């Protein structure tokens, strides 16, 4: 099973909380990241080693809104 790091950032992009999890696949890691998100977190990232596999809101969405 792959290991993931799930990170939560505030509105300024500063890391507020991070934890490691072992999940069956990328999709389950994404689901876990959303399930554990607190209302204070403005952005989340899911990392598999050095690879960023998921982020919300996405950079594309931020460009459209901004």
C-alpha atoms as a PDB file:
ATOM      1  CA  UNK A   1       0.000   0.000   0.000  1.00  0.00           C
ATOM      2  CA  UNK A   2       1.327   3.426  -0.928  1.00  0.00           C
ATOM      3  CA  UNK A   3       2.076   6.042   1.733  1.00  0.00           C
ATOM      4  CA  UNK A   4       0.707   9.563   1.341  1.00  0.00           C
ATOM      5  CA  UNK A   5       1.205  12.906   3.061  1.00  0.00           C
ATOM      6  CA  UNK A   6      -1.920  15.012   3.360  1.00  0.00           C
ATOM      7  CA  UNK A   7      -1.333  18.717   3.952  1.00  0.00           C
ATOM      8  CA  UNK A   8      -3.728  21.521   4.840  1.00  0.00           C
ATOM      9  CA  UNK A   9      -2.877  25.168   4.226  1.00  0.00           C
ATOM     10  CA  UNK A  10      -4.424  28.464   5.330  1.00  0.00           C
ATOM     11  CA  UNK A  11      -5.472  31.322   3.025  1.00  0.00           C
ATOM     12  CA  UNK A  12      -1.879  32.625   2.916  1.00  0.00           C
ATOM     13  CA  UNK A  13      -0.565  29.207   1.857  1.00  0.00           C
ATOM     14  CA  UNK A  14       1.059  28.406   5.208  1.00  0.00           C
ATOM     15  CA  UNK A  15       0.970  24.807   6.364  1.00  0.00           C
ATOM     16  CA  UNK A  16      -1.492  24.398   9.240  1.00  0.00           C
ATOM     17  CA  UNK A  17      -1.657  20.612   9.596  1.00  0.00           C
ATOM     18  CA  UNK A  18      -0.079  17.554   7.984  1.00  0.00           C
ATOM     19  CA  UNK A  19      -0.396  13.818   8.492  1.00  0.00           C
ATOM     20  CA  UNK A  20       0.741  10.624   6.828  1.00  0.00           C
ATOM     21  CA  UNK A  21      -1.605   7.858   5.772  1.00  0.00           C
ATOM     22  CA  UNK A  22      -1.402   4.508   4.062  1.00  0.00           C
ATOM     23  CA  UNK A  23      -4.141   4.100   1.458  1.00  0.00           C
ATOM     24  CA  UNK A  24      -4.919   1.496  -1.197  1.00  0.00           C
ATOM     25  CA  UNK A  25      -4.616   4.013  -4.032  1.00  0.00           C
ATOM     26  CA  UNK A  26      -4.624   7.698  -4.977  1.00  0.00           C
ATOM     27  CA  UNK A  27      -8.426   7.913  -5.034  1.00  0.00           C
ATOM     28  CA  UNK A  28      -8.747   6.714  -1.440  1.00  0.00           C
ATOM     29  CA  UNK A  29      -6.070   9.193  -0.359  1.00  0.00           C
ATOM     30  CA  UNK A  30      -8.055  12.023  -1.981  1.00  0.00           C
ATOM     31  CA  UNK A  31     -11.244  10.917  -0.230  1.00  0.00           C
ATOM     32  CA  UNK A  32      -9.449  10.729   3.116  1.00  0.00           C
ATOM     33  CA  UNK A  33      -8.009  14.215   2.600  1.00  0.00           C
ATOM     34  CA  UNK A  34     -11.487  15.667   2.103  1.00  0.00           C
ATOM     35  CA  UNK A  35     -12.966  13.695   4.986  1.00  0.00           C
ATOM     36  CA  UNK A  36     -10.352  14.988   7.436  1.00  0.00           C
ATOM     37  CA  UNK A  37     -10.447  18.630   6.246  1.00  0.00           C
ATOM     38  CA  UNK A  38     -11.337  21.191   8.893  1.00  0.00           C
ATOM     39  CA  UNK A  39     -13.289  24.376   8.079  1.00  0.00           C
ATOM     40  CA  UNK A  40     -10.159  26.487   8.741  1.00  0.00           C
ATOM     41  CA  UNK A  41      -8.211  24.801   5.952  1.00  0.00           C
ATOM     42  CA  UNK A  42      -8.486  26.733   2.697  1.00  0.00           C
ATOM     43  CA  UNK A  43      -6.389  24.402   0.563  1.00  0.00           C
ATOM     44  CA  UNK A  44      -5.407  20.746   0.682  1.00  0.00           C
ATOM     45  CA  UNK A  45      -2.631  18.799  -1.001  1.00  0.00           C
ATOM     46  CA  UNK A  46      -2.044  15.066  -1.312  1.00  0.00           C
ATOM     47  CA  UNK A  47       1.544  13.966  -1.892  1.00  0.00           C
ATOM     48  CA  UNK A  48       2.914  10.535  -2.830  1.00  0.00           C
ATOM     49  CA  UNK A  49       6.589  10.874  -2.074  1.00  0.00           C
ATOM     50  CA  UNK A  50       7.875  13.853  -4.069  1.00  0.00           C
ATOM     51  CA  UNK A  51       4.852  13.892  -6.399  1.00  0.00           C
ATOM     52  CA  UNK A  52       1.871  16.173  -5.813  1.00  0.00           C
ATOM     53  CA  UNK A  53      -1.050  14.022  -6.924  1.00  0.00           C
ATOM     54  CA  UNK A  54      -3.988  16.219  -5.891  1.00  0.00           C
ATOM     55  CA  UNK A  55      -4.731  19.742  -4.722  1.00  0.00           C
ATOM     56  CA  UNK A  56      -7.933  21.654  -4.003  1.00  0.00           C
ATOM     57  CA  UNK A  57      -8.737  24.239  -4.986  1.00  0.00           C
ATOM     58  CA  UNK A  58      -6.753  23.570  -8.121  1.00  0.00           C
ATOM     59  CA  UNK A  59      -4.465  26.213  -9.624  1.00  0.00           C
ATOM     60  CA  UNK A  60      -6.736  26.308 -12.698  1.00  0.00           C
ATOM     61  CA  UNK A  61      -9.797  27.060 -10.554  1.00  0.00           C
ATOM     62  CA  UNK A  62      -7.915  29.767  -8.641  1.00  0.00           C
ATOM     63  CA  UNK A  63      -6.987  31.488 -11.930  1.00  0.00           C
ATOM     64  CA  UNK A  64     -10.636  31.467 -13.097  1.00  0.00           C
ATOM     65  CA  UNK A  65     -11.979  32.889  -9.818  1.00  0.00           C
ATOM     66  CA  UNK A  66      -9.162  35.428  -9.304  1.00  0.00           C
END
